[in-house]
């Protein structure tokens, strides 16, 4: 296609956007309304995934070494653990280090544990992190089978529930976003279809005089693209403005260290790009689907 022809299609698509007046406003409004919902769910799900990932990365396996284990057997135990598939990091803590950590974690109340310094009842411990947190249970079970390992703790009571909830939340969020996008495509497709109905005769004449389908489609492609981009501007402003306010003023994120939402930058740029991309896709797809039935002459 010649550059002049392409320029003509772009110019024609832009003119049609302006010429259609209230129908353009209606189409942009349909995209805007849906993208606000999509954007809110997108921001929510990305942050929930981020928080879930942070929580999952904090999951560690504690392998307690039997009290009767000889010092020369420690290196053998460590080698056996390293041979397990999916191990990311291993740290060995002596029972003295474990007691010191315990005293520190309890603050002033932990001073009572200092009485056990001479007769320490704790075990030496291997602290293990999995490359993929979802493999924690499997790795823990394999570690349990190693000689001289007394028991293995990884928060079984809540870790499995945490993983299940995170997977469920991710899947539900993805389904909701996809459903909203398809709803938006349906809405804009029907809105644009009304606009194209008024130009049905024009499309028919162009077909009869030999215009190709791609020649007819391109102005509508440009029109849908512009509608999608215009419809994404207001959602970007509303969502990023609200998110910036949230990051600056919501005290709950300062009080609970485990809740760490994504920082405004570069998250804002990523969200803006995604929303514009979704808006453009919705506009183009809706326009092309609407004009397709009128090309059969």
Protein backbone atom coordinates (compact mmCIF):
# COMPACT_ATOMS: atom_id res chain seq x y z
CA UNK A 1 0.00 0.00 0.00
CA UNK A 2 1.29 3.45 -0.94
CA UNK A 3 2.08 5.94 1.79
CA UNK A 4 -0.37 8.43 0.24
CA UNK A 5 -3.18 5.86 0.37
CA UNK A 6 -2.38 5.03 3.98
CA UNK A 7 -2.38 8.74 4.83
CA UNK A 8 -5.77 9.11 3.18
CA UNK A 9 -7.22 6.27 5.28
CA UNK A 10 -5.84 7.77 8.50
CA UNK A 11 -7.25 11.18 7.57
CA UNK A 12 -10.62 9.68 6.65
CA UNK A 13 -10.81 7.68 9.89
CA UNK A 14 -10.01 10.78 11.95
CA UNK A 15 -12.66 12.79 10.05
CA UNK A 16 -15.27 10.12 10.64
CA UNK A 17 -14.53 10.20 14.37
CA UNK A 18 -15.19 13.94 14.45
CA UNK A 19 -18.09 13.83 11.97
CA UNK A 20 -20.11 11.26 13.92
CA UNK A 21 -20.56 13.64 16.85
CA UNK A 22 -22.73 12.14 19.55
CA UNK A 23 -22.16 8.59 18.33
CA UNK A 24 -18.44 9.12 18.89
CA UNK A 25 -19.23 10.41 22.38
CA UNK A 26 -21.39 7.33 23.02
CA UNK A 27 -18.66 4.98 21.80
CA UNK A 28 -15.96 6.70 23.83
CA UNK A 29 -18.28 6.65 26.85
CA UNK A 30 -18.81 2.89 26.48
CA UNK A 31 -15.06 2.30 26.33
CA UNK A 32 -14.39 4.69 29.22
CA UNK A 33 -16.95 3.12 31.54
CA UNK A 34 -15.73 -0.40 30.90
CA UNK A 35 -12.04 0.52 31.08
CA UNK A 36 -12.54 2.13 34.49
CA UNK A 37 -13.85 -1.22 35.75
CA UNK A 38 -11.11 -3.14 33.93
CA UNK A 39 -8.46 -0.74 35.24
CA UNK A 40 -9.64 -0.98 38.84
CA UNK A 41 -9.64 -4.79 38.69
CA UNK A 42 -6.26 -4.72 36.95
CA UNK A 43 -4.65 -2.56 39.64
CA UNK A 44 -6.27 -4.64 42.37
CA UNK A 45 -5.18 -7.96 40.89
CA UNK A 46 -1.62 -6.84 40.14
CA UNK A 47 -1.22 -5.66 43.73
CA UNK A 48 -2.83 -8.81 45.14
CA UNK A 49 -0.44 -10.89 43.03
CA UNK A 50 2.46 -8.78 44.28
CA UNK A 51 1.42 -9.20 47.93
CA UNK A 52 0.81 -12.92 47.37
CA UNK A 53 4.26 -13.32 45.79
CA UNK A 54 5.86 -11.48 48.71
CA UNK A 55 4.07 -13.72 51.21
CA UNK A 56 5.02 -16.85 49.28
CA UNK A 57 8.67 -15.80 49.11
CA UNK A 58 8.67 -15.48 52.91
CA UNK A 59 7.73 -19.14 53.30
CA UNK A 60 10.70 -21.08 54.65
CA UNK A 61 11.29 -24.67 55.67
CA UNK A 62 12.92 -25.32 59.03
CA UNK A 63 14.58 -28.71 59.30
CA UNK A 64 15.41 -29.50 62.93
CA UNK A 65 18.49 -31.64 63.38
CA UNK A 66 18.26 -34.42 65.99
CA UNK A 67 19.88 -33.56 69.31
CA UNK A 68 22.00 -36.72 69.15
CA UNK A 69 23.54 -35.83 65.79
CA UNK A 70 27.34 -35.66 65.70
CA UNK A 71 29.02 -32.54 64.36
CA UNK A 72 30.66 -34.42 61.47
CA UNK A 73 27.20 -35.51 60.22
CA UNK A 74 26.04 -31.90 59.68
CA UNK A 75 27.88 -31.53 56.37
CA UNK A 76 26.39 -34.82 55.12
CA UNK A 77 22.88 -33.61 55.97
CA UNK A 78 23.55 -30.35 54.12
CA UNK A 79 24.78 -32.22 51.02
CA UNK A 80 21.66 -34.39 51.03
CA UNK A 81 19.44 -31.31 51.24
CA UNK A 82 21.35 -29.58 48.42
CA UNK A 83 20.70 -32.60 46.18
CA UNK A 84 16.94 -32.08 46.42
CA UNK A 85 15.48 -30.50 43.29
CA UNK A 86 14.11 -26.96 43.68
CA UNK A 87 16.30 -25.73 46.56
CA UNK A 88 17.15 -22.02 46.35
CA UNK A 89 19.00 -21.24 49.59
CA UNK A 90 20.19 -23.19 52.63
CA UNK A 91 21.30 -21.62 55.91
CA UNK A 92 22.56 -23.54 58.92
CA UNK A 93 21.87 -22.12 62.39
CA UNK A 94 23.35 -23.61 65.53
CA UNK A 95 21.13 -24.04 68.56
CA UNK A 96 22.97 -21.11 70.17
CA UNK A 97 22.05 -18.87 67.24
CA UNK A 98 18.47 -20.13 67.40
CA UNK A 99 18.28 -19.24 71.09
CA UNK A 100 19.69 -15.77 70.42
CA UNK A 101 17.10 -15.22 67.67
CA UNK A 102 14.34 -16.41 69.98
CA UNK A 103 15.41 -14.03 72.75
CA UNK A 104 15.55 -11.14 70.27
CA UNK A 105 12.16 -11.90 68.72
CA UNK A 106 10.40 -11.74 72.11
CA UNK A 107 12.00 -8.44 73.10
CA UNK A 108 11.99 -7.81 76.83
CA UNK A 109 9.92 -10.94 77.47
CA UNK A 110 12.61 -12.98 75.76
CA UNK A 111 15.01 -12.41 78.64
CA UNK A 112 13.44 -15.39 80.38
CA UNK A 113 14.92 -17.63 77.67
CA UNK A 114 18.42 -16.50 78.59
CA UNK A 115 18.20 -18.92 81.54
CA UNK A 116 18.60 -21.76 79.01
CA UNK A 117 21.98 -20.58 77.72
CA UNK A 118 23.82 -23.15 79.85
CA UNK A 119 21.40 -25.98 79.06
CA UNK A 120 20.04 -25.14 75.60
CA UNK A 121 17.04 -27.38 74.72
CA UNK A 122 16.79 -26.18 71.10
CA UNK A 123 17.92 -28.00 67.95
CA UNK A 124 20.42 -27.03 65.30
CA UNK A 125 18.39 -25.94 62.30
CA UNK A 126 18.65 -25.83 58.52
CA UNK A 127 16.58 -22.98 57.05
CA UNK A 128 15.66 -23.75 53.45
CA UNK A 129 14.01 -21.60 50.77
CA UNK A 130 12.47 -23.11 47.63
CA UNK A 131 13.07 -21.67 44.18
CA UNK A 132 9.33 -22.03 43.56
CA UNK A 133 7.34 -21.57 46.81
CA UNK A 134 4.70 -23.93 45.43
CA UNK A 135 7.26 -26.77 45.82
CA UNK A 136 7.57 -26.17 49.57
CA UNK A 137 5.45 -29.16 50.62
CA UNK A 138 7.27 -31.58 48.30
CA UNK A 139 10.70 -30.39 49.44
CA UNK A 140 9.67 -30.60 53.11
CA UNK A 141 8.53 -34.20 52.63
CA UNK A 142 11.86 -35.16 50.99
CA UNK A 143 13.85 -33.48 53.77
CA UNK A 144 11.88 -35.45 56.38
CA UNK A 145 13.32 -38.64 54.91
CA UNK A 146 16.94 -37.58 55.48
CA UNK A 147 18.80 -39.24 58.35
CA UNK A 148 19.27 -37.19 61.53
CA UNK A 149 16.39 -34.85 60.70
CA UNK A 150 14.11 -34.78 63.73
CA UNK A 151 11.17 -32.93 62.18
CA UNK A 152 10.36 -30.34 59.52
CA UNK A 153 8.26 -27.21 59.98
CA UNK A 154 7.04 -24.89 57.25
CA UNK A 155 3.78 -23.60 58.68
CA UNK A 156 1.74 -26.47 57.25
CA UNK A 157 -1.41 -25.13 58.90
CA UNK A 158 -1.55 -21.96 56.85
CA UNK A 159 0.89 -22.37 53.92
CA UNK A 160 -1.29 -24.80 51.95
CA UNK A 161 -4.31 -22.55 52.51
CA UNK A 162 -2.28 -19.52 51.45
CA UNK A 163 -1.19 -21.15 48.19
CA UNK A 164 -4.73 -22.32 47.41
CA UNK A 165 -6.18 -18.88 48.11
CA UNK A 166 -3.53 -17.14 45.99
CA UNK A 167 -4.13 -19.47 43.03
CA UNK A 168 -7.90 -19.07 43.38
CA UNK A 169 -7.64 -15.25 43.58
CA UNK A 170 -5.39 -15.08 40.51
CA UNK A 171 -7.70 -17.27 38.43
CA UNK A 172 -10.85 -15.40 39.49
CA UNK A 173 -9.19 -12.05 38.79
CA UNK A 174 -8.07 -13.14 35.33
CA UNK A 175 -11.55 -14.43 34.48
CA UNK A 176 -13.16 -11.16 35.64
CA UNK A 177 -10.77 -9.01 33.59
CA UNK A 178 -11.25 -11.14 30.46
CA UNK A 179 -15.05 -11.04 30.95
CA UNK A 180 -15.00 -7.24 31.29
CA UNK A 181 -12.86 -6.87 28.14
CA UNK A 182 -15.26 -9.03 26.12
CA UNK A 183 -18.18 -7.03 27.53
CA UNK A 184 -16.49 -3.85 26.39
CA UNK A 185 -15.93 -5.29 22.90
CA UNK A 186 -19.63 -6.20 22.73
CA UNK A 187 -20.73 -2.73 23.88
CA UNK A 188 -18.54 -0.77 21.51
CA UNK A 189 -19.28 -3.17 18.67
CA UNK A 190 -23.00 -2.48 19.02
CA UNK A 191 -22.46 1.26 19.47
CA UNK A 192 -20.27 1.52 16.37
CA UNK A 193 -22.67 -0.71 14.45
CA UNK A 194 -25.33 1.99 14.77
CA UNK A 195 -22.89 4.50 13.27
CA UNK A 196 -21.98 2.18 10.42
CA UNK A 197 -25.66 1.50 9.62
CA UNK A 198 -25.94 5.10 8.46
CA UNK A 199 -23.08 4.47 6.02
CA UNK A 200 -24.30 1.09 4.81
CA UNK A 201 -25.19 2.46 1.38
CA UNK A 202 -21.79 4.13 1.07
CA UNK A 203 -20.01 0.85 1.84
CA UNK A 204 -22.17 -0.99 -0.69
CA UNK A 205 -21.37 1.52 -3.45
CA UNK A 206 -17.63 1.25 -2.70
CA UNK A 207 -17.88 -2.54 -2.99
CA UNK A 208 -19.76 -2.34 -6.28
CA UNK A 209 -17.16 -0.03 -7.86
CA UNK A 210 -14.38 -2.46 -6.98
CA UNK A 211 -13.03 -1.32 -3.61
CA UNK A 212 -11.32 -4.14 -1.73
CA UNK A 213 -12.37 -5.15 1.76
CA UNK A 214 -9.08 -3.94 3.22
CA UNK A 215 -9.51 -0.53 1.52
CA UNK A 216 -12.94 -0.15 3.16
CA UNK A 217 -11.86 -1.52 6.52
CA UNK A 218 -8.84 0.72 7.09
CA UNK A 219 -10.73 3.98 7.85
CA UNK A 220 -12.88 2.04 10.33
CA UNK A 221 -9.71 0.52 11.78
CA UNK A 222 -8.34 4.03 12.36
CA UNK A 223 -11.68 5.20 13.73
CA UNK A 224 -11.88 2.30 16.21
CA UNK A 225 -8.26 2.84 17.23
CA UNK A 226 -8.93 6.52 17.99
CA UNK A 227 -12.12 5.71 19.88
CA UNK A 228 -10.27 3.16 22.00
CA UNK A 229 -7.38 5.51 22.79
CA UNK A 230 -9.70 8.43 23.57
CA UNK A 231 -11.79 6.18 25.79
CA UNK A 232 -8.70 5.12 27.76
CA UNK A 233 -7.54 8.63 28.74
CA UNK A 234 -10.16 9.31 31.43
CA UNK A 235 -9.75 5.87 33.08
CA UNK A 236 -5.98 6.36 33.20
CA UNK A 237 -6.41 9.75 34.88
CA UNK A 238 -8.96 8.49 37.42
CA UNK A 239 -7.17 5.23 38.29
CA UNK A 240 -3.63 6.61 38.52
CA UNK A 241 -4.83 9.68 40.42
CA UNK A 242 -6.61 7.45 42.93
CA UNK A 243 -3.65 5.09 43.17
CA UNK A 244 -1.23 7.97 43.82
CA UNK A 245 -3.49 9.25 46.60
CA UNK A 246 -3.63 5.74 48.03
CA UNK A 247 0.16 5.31 48.09
CA UNK A 248 0.63 8.70 49.75
CA UNK A 249 -2.15 8.75 52.33
CA UNK A 250 -3.32 5.28 53.30
CA UNK A 251 -1.81 4.59 56.72
CA UNK A 252 -2.64 0.87 56.76
CA UNK A 253 0.30 0.13 54.45
CA UNK A 254 2.66 1.78 56.93
CA UNK A 255 1.28 -0.14 59.91
CA UNK A 256 1.41 -3.61 58.35
CA UNK A 257 4.84 -4.35 56.90
CA UNK A 258 3.64 -7.48 55.11
CA UNK A 259 1.27 -5.41 52.96
CA UNK A 260 3.53 -3.78 50.40
CA UNK A 261 1.72 -2.47 47.35
CA UNK A 262 3.56 -1.72 44.14
CA UNK A 263 5.31 1.69 44.08
CA UNK A 264 3.69 4.38 41.93
CA UNK A 265 6.59 4.41 39.45
CA UNK A 266 7.08 2.47 37.22
CA UNK A 267 3.72 0.84 38.01
CA UNK A 268 1.81 3.89 36.72
CA UNK A 269 3.49 3.70 33.31
CA UNK A 270 2.81 -0.04 33.07
CA UNK A 271 -0.88 0.39 33.96
CA UNK A 272 -1.27 3.30 31.50
CA UNK A 273 0.30 1.25 28.69
CA UNK A 274 -1.92 -1.77 29.45
CA UNK A 275 -5.11 0.33 29.58
CA UNK A 276 -4.27 2.12 26.31
CA UNK A 277 -3.46 -1.24 24.73
CA UNK A 278 -6.76 -2.75 25.90
CA UNK A 279 -8.68 0.36 24.79
CA UNK A 280 -7.07 0.34 21.35
CA UNK A 281 -7.73 -3.40 20.96
CA UNK A 282 -11.37 -3.00 22.02
CA UNK A 283 -11.89 -0.11 19.60
CA UNK A 284 -10.25 -1.81 16.62
CA UNK A 285 -11.89 -5.18 17.23
CA UNK A 286 -15.31 -3.63 17.78
CA UNK A 287 -15.06 -1.56 14.59
CA UNK A 288 -13.84 -4.41 12.41
CA UNK A 289 -16.46 -6.82 13.73
CA UNK A 290 -19.20 -4.26 13.08
CA UNK A 291 -18.17 -3.46 9.51
CA UNK A 292 -17.59 -7.09 8.53
CA UNK A 293 -21.26 -7.95 7.88
CA UNK A 294 -21.68 -4.95 5.57
CA UNK A 295 -18.82 -6.07 3.32
CA UNK A 296 -20.89 -8.98 2.00
CA UNK A 297 -22.57 -7.40 -0.99
